[in-house]
């Protein structure tokens, strides 16, 4: 099982940027697709972005052009660079290896208007 630990959340003004990191334990990190999800208060958890072992990426429409997912297999880490943040991006962000149903504990992102 892969254990995931997120960091990098916080409070930021609208238009600002944050970079989330997700450190994974285990030497087989590089074979998994990884993803970032988020859950806002009162809403269902949604997929924000995903990245395959080879680096192919996919994004939900609401973050395209603003967020970038990337991975460093040598460091067992996946990142989510978030630019031009909006108040509607406020949520708890979770790192996941969906194929093995591994999840981090989540990191809070609050975007003030």
Protein backbone atom coordinates (compact mmCIF):
# COMPACT_ATOMS: atom_id res chain seq x y z
CA UNK A 1 0.00 0.00 0.00
CA UNK A 2 1.17 3.53 -0.79
CA UNK A 3 0.87 6.14 1.92
CA UNK A 4 0.28 9.72 0.80
CA UNK A 5 0.97 12.95 2.69
CA UNK A 6 -0.17 16.30 1.30
CA UNK A 7 1.24 19.72 2.12
CA UNK A 8 1.13 23.26 0.81
CA UNK A 9 -2.42 24.34 1.49
CA UNK A 10 -3.31 27.62 3.13
CA UNK A 11 -5.10 30.92 2.84
CA UNK A 12 -4.57 33.03 -0.27
CA UNK A 13 -6.28 35.98 -1.90
CA UNK A 14 -8.15 35.60 -5.15
CA UNK A 15 -5.72 35.75 -8.05
CA UNK A 16 -2.93 34.26 -6.00
CA UNK A 17 -1.07 30.97 -6.30
CA UNK A 18 -0.35 27.90 -4.22
CA UNK A 19 1.58 24.72 -4.89
CA UNK A 20 0.40 21.53 -3.29
CA UNK A 21 2.75 18.60 -2.80
CA UNK A 22 2.00 14.96 -2.17
CA UNK A 23 4.78 12.73 -0.91
CA UNK A 24 4.28 9.01 -1.41
CA UNK A 25 5.92 6.17 0.44
CA UNK A 26 6.97 3.03 -1.37
CA UNK A 27 9.31 2.30 -4.22
CA UNK A 28 6.60 1.54 -6.78
CA UNK A 29 5.13 5.04 -6.90
CA UNK A 30 6.18 5.48 -10.51
CA UNK A 31 3.84 2.78 -11.85
CA UNK A 32 0.64 4.45 -10.63
CA UNK A 33 -1.49 7.15 -12.10
CA UNK A 34 -1.94 9.87 -9.51
CA UNK A 35 -4.70 12.38 -9.01
CA UNK A 36 -5.80 15.40 -7.02
CA UNK A 37 -9.39 15.61 -5.84
CA UNK A 38 -11.13 18.33 -3.87
CA UNK A 39 -14.19 18.58 -1.70
CA UNK A 40 -15.86 21.88 -0.91
CA UNK A 41 -18.26 22.25 2.03
CA UNK A 42 -21.62 20.68 1.21
CA UNK A 43 -20.41 19.34 -2.12
CA UNK A 44 -19.29 15.99 -3.45
CA UNK A 45 -15.64 15.20 -3.91
CA UNK A 46 -14.55 15.93 -7.47
CA UNK A 47 -11.57 14.98 -9.59
CA UNK A 48 -9.43 18.05 -10.27
CA UNK A 49 -6.49 16.63 -12.21
CA UNK A 50 -4.75 13.36 -12.96
CA UNK A 51 -1.41 12.27 -14.35
CA UNK A 52 -0.35 8.91 -15.76
CA UNK A 53 3.01 7.26 -15.08
CA UNK A 54 4.16 8.58 -18.45
CA UNK A 55 3.10 12.13 -17.67
CA UNK A 56 -0.15 12.49 -19.60
CA UNK A 57 -2.49 14.85 -17.80
CA UNK A 58 -6.18 15.53 -17.56
CA UNK A 59 -8.09 18.37 -15.87
CA UNK A 60 -11.61 19.26 -14.91
CA UNK A 61 -12.84 22.09 -17.12
CA UNK A 62 -13.05 24.60 -14.27
CA UNK A 63 -9.28 24.53 -13.65
CA UNK A 64 -7.94 24.17 -17.19
CA UNK A 65 -5.36 26.84 -17.93
CA UNK A 66 -4.95 27.65 -14.23
CA UNK A 67 -3.78 24.43 -12.56
CA UNK A 68 -0.90 22.16 -13.52
CA UNK A 69 -0.31 18.67 -12.21
CA UNK A 70 3.17 17.20 -12.38
CA UNK A 71 5.17 14.40 -10.84
CA UNK A 72 8.76 13.67 -9.90
CA UNK A 73 9.14 9.91 -9.80
CA UNK A 74 12.66 10.18 -8.37
CA UNK A 75 11.22 12.00 -5.37
CA UNK A 76 7.99 9.98 -5.17
CA UNK A 77 6.10 13.25 -5.25
CA UNK A 78 3.19 14.67 -7.21
CA UNK A 79 2.44 18.39 -7.35
CA UNK A 80 -0.49 20.64 -8.11
CA UNK A 81 0.45 24.18 -9.11
CA UNK A 82 -2.59 26.39 -8.71
CA UNK A 83 -2.57 29.85 -10.29
CA UNK A 84 -5.22 32.55 -10.65
CA UNK A 85 -7.08 31.08 -7.71
CA UNK A 86 -10.75 31.88 -7.28
CA UNK A 87 -12.97 31.74 -4.18
CA UNK A 88 -14.75 28.75 -5.72
CA UNK A 89 -11.47 26.82 -5.54
CA UNK A 90 -11.83 26.77 -1.76
CA UNK A 91 -11.90 23.13 -0.66
CA UNK A 92 -9.98 20.37 1.01
CA UNK A 93 -7.61 18.94 -1.58
CA UNK A 94 -6.75 15.25 -1.53
CA UNK A 95 -3.98 13.37 -3.23
CA UNK A 96 -4.86 9.90 -4.48
CA UNK A 97 -3.58 6.83 -6.22
CA UNK A 98 -7.04 5.82 -7.43
CA UNK A 99 -6.19 2.41 -8.85
CA UNK A 100 -5.18 1.17 -5.39
CA UNK A 101 -7.66 3.39 -3.52
CA UNK A 102 -4.96 5.19 -1.54
CA UNK A 103 -5.76 8.66 -0.21
CA UNK A 104 -3.95 11.33 1.73
CA UNK A 105 -5.38 13.12 4.72
CA UNK A 106 -6.17 16.27 2.75
CA UNK A 107 -4.92 19.84 2.86
CA UNK A 108 -7.17 22.88 3.19
CA UNK A 109 -7.12 25.62 0.56
CA UNK A 110 -9.03 28.82 1.27
CA UNK A 111 -9.26 31.55 -1.34
CA UNK A 112 -10.55 34.88 -0.08
CA UNK A 113 -12.27 37.38 -2.32
